[in-house]
C-alpha atoms as a PDB file:
ATOM      1  CA  MET A   1     123.377  75.396 111.352  1.00  0.00           C
ATOM      2  CA  GLU A   2     125.898  77.463 109.416  1.00  0.00           C
ATOM      3  CA  GLU A   3     123.685  77.290 106.321  1.00  0.00           C
ATOM      4  CA  ALA A   4     120.718  78.655 108.298  1.00  0.00           C
ATOM      5  CA  THR A   5     122.945  81.435 109.635  1.00  0.00           C
ATOM      6  CA  ASN A   6     124.060  82.322 106.119  1.00  0.00           C
ATOM      7  CA  GLU A   7     120.452  82.311 104.882  1.00  0.00           C
ATOM      8  CA  ALA A   8     119.371  84.610 107.711  1.00  0.00           C
ATOM      9  CA  TYR A   9     122.226  86.985 106.921  1.00  0.00           C
ATOM     10  CA  GLU A  10     121.378  86.940 103.207  1.00  0.00           C
ATOM     11  CA  GLN A  11     117.746  87.760 104.043  1.00  0.00           C
ATOM     12  CA  LEU A  12     118.796  90.665 106.271  1.00  0.00           C
ATOM     13  CA  LEU A  13     121.072  91.949 103.524  1.00  0.00           C
ATOM     14  CA  ARG A  14     118.297  91.733 100.893  1.00  0.00           C
ATOM     15  CA  ASN A  15     115.955  93.520 103.289  1.00  0.00           C
ATOM     16  CA  TRP A  16     118.513  96.276 103.839  1.00  0.00           C
ATOM     17  CA  ASN A  17     119.151  96.663 100.089  1.00  0.00           C
ATOM     18  CA  PHE A  18     115.416  96.911  99.393  1.00  0.00           C
ATOM     19  CA  ARG A  19     114.982  99.582 102.058  1.00  0.00           C
ATOM     20  CA  ARG A  20     118.000 101.507 100.750  1.00  0.00           C
ATOM     21  CA  GLU A  21     116.486 101.459  97.249  1.00  0.00           C
ATOM     22  CA  MET A  22     113.170 102.768  98.596  1.00  0.00           C
ATOM     23  CA  PHE A  23     114.992 105.539 100.488  1.00  0.00           C
ATOM     24  CA  ASN A  24     116.892 106.508  97.327  1.00  0.00           C
ATOM     25  CA  HIS A  25     113.664 106.470  95.294  1.00  0.00           C
ATOM     26  CA  TYR A  26     111.765 108.762  97.676  1.00  0.00           C
ATOM     27  CA  SER A  27     114.771 111.007  98.164  1.00  0.00           C
ATOM     28  CA  LYS A  28     115.195 111.465  94.415  1.00  0.00           C
ATOM     29  CA  ALA A  29     111.459 111.976  93.857  1.00  0.00           C
ATOM     30  CA  LEU A  30     111.278 114.620  96.570  1.00  0.00           C
ATOM     31  CA  GLY A  31     114.367 116.357  95.199  1.00  0.00           C
ATOM     32  CA  LEU A  32     112.854 116.497  91.715  1.00  0.00           C
ATOM     33  CA  LEU A  33     109.559 117.743  93.079  1.00  0.00           C
ATOM     34  CA  MET A  34     111.308 120.512  95.010  1.00  0.00           C
ATOM     35  CA  LEU A  35     112.980 121.648  91.778  1.00  0.00           C
ATOM     36  CA  ASP A  36     109.621 121.709  90.034  1.00  0.00           C
ATOM     37  CA  ASP A  37     107.777 125.024  90.051  1.00  0.00           C
ATOM     38  CA  ALA A  38     104.489 123.268  90.735  1.00  0.00           C
ATOM     39  CA  GLU A  39     102.793 124.255  93.963  1.00  0.00           C
ATOM     40  CA  ASP A  40     101.576 120.761  94.764  1.00  0.00           C
ATOM     41  CA  TRP A  41     101.995 120.888  98.531  1.00  0.00           C
ATOM     42  CA  GLN A  42      99.971 117.731  99.140  1.00  0.00           C
ATOM     43  CA  GLN A  43     102.274 115.679  96.932  1.00  0.00           C
ATOM     44  CA  ARG A  44     105.345 117.170  98.615  1.00  0.00           C
ATOM     45  CA  ARG A  45     103.922 116.414 102.044  1.00  0.00           C
ATOM     46  CA  THR A  46     103.152 112.845 101.032  1.00  0.00           C
ATOM     47  CA  LEU A  47     106.650 112.334  99.623  1.00  0.00           C
ATOM     48  CA  ARG A  48     108.229 113.815 102.740  1.00  0.00           C
ATOM     49  CA  ALA A  49     106.219 111.423 104.908  1.00  0.00           C
ATOM     50  CA  GLN A  50     107.271 108.492 102.728  1.00  0.00           C
ATOM     51  CA  LEU A  51     110.897 109.617 102.930  1.00  0.00           C
ATOM     52  CA  VAL A  52     110.699 109.813 106.727  1.00  0.00           C
ATOM     53  CA  GLU A  53     109.236 106.286 106.834  1.00  0.00           C
ATOM     54  CA  ALA A  54     111.893 104.998 104.430  1.00  0.00           C
ATOM     55  CA  THR A  55     114.636 106.627 106.516  1.00  0.00           C
ATOM     56  CA  GLN A  56     113.355 105.027 109.716  1.00  0.00           C
ATOM     57  CA  SER A  57     112.937 101.671 108.002  1.00  0.00           C
ATOM     58  CA  LEU A  58     116.474 101.829 106.597  1.00  0.00           C
ATOM     59  CA  ARG A  59     117.842 102.800 110.007  1.00  0.00           C
ATOM     60  CA  GLU A  60     116.099  99.825 111.659  1.00  0.00           C
ATOM     61  CA  ALA A  61     117.289  97.427 108.951  1.00  0.00           C
ATOM     62  CA  SER A  62     120.844  98.758 109.350  1.00  0.00           C
ATOM     63  CA  GLU A  63     120.714  98.217 113.104  1.00  0.00           C
ATOM     64  CA  ARG A  64     119.489  94.622 112.663  1.00  0.00           C
ATOM     65  CA  LEU A  65     122.186  93.948 110.086  1.00  0.00           C
ATOM     66  CA  GLN A  66     124.920  95.415 112.288  1.00  0.00           C
ATOM     67  CA  PHE A  67     123.693  93.457 115.318  1.00  0.00           C
ATOM     68  CA  TYR A  68     123.692  90.250 113.284  1.00  0.00           C
ATOM     69  CA  GLU A  69     127.183  90.921 111.904  1.00  0.00           C
ATOM     70  CA  ILE A  70     128.526  91.610 115.405  1.00  0.00           C
ATOM     71  CA  SER A  71     126.904  88.490 116.834  1.00  0.00           C
ATOM     72  CA  MET A  72     128.461  86.365 114.069  1.00  0.00           C
ATOM     73  CA  LYS A  73     131.977  87.392 115.157  1.00  0.00           C
END
């Protein structure tokens, strides 16, 4: 039982780390694009949408991880 609990926690942690990496990737890409003088509004809009999705996904993963950590106590 404890092993299954540890595996579930490890999976949640990997999921959170993946989502954090995606958030960082989109955040950095959007920041670089905003510094660029190019007027590619479609690309900026797409990156902003991806960043919003990554932010929401990271928030949800964080909530699941926190809930799991609290329930383990």
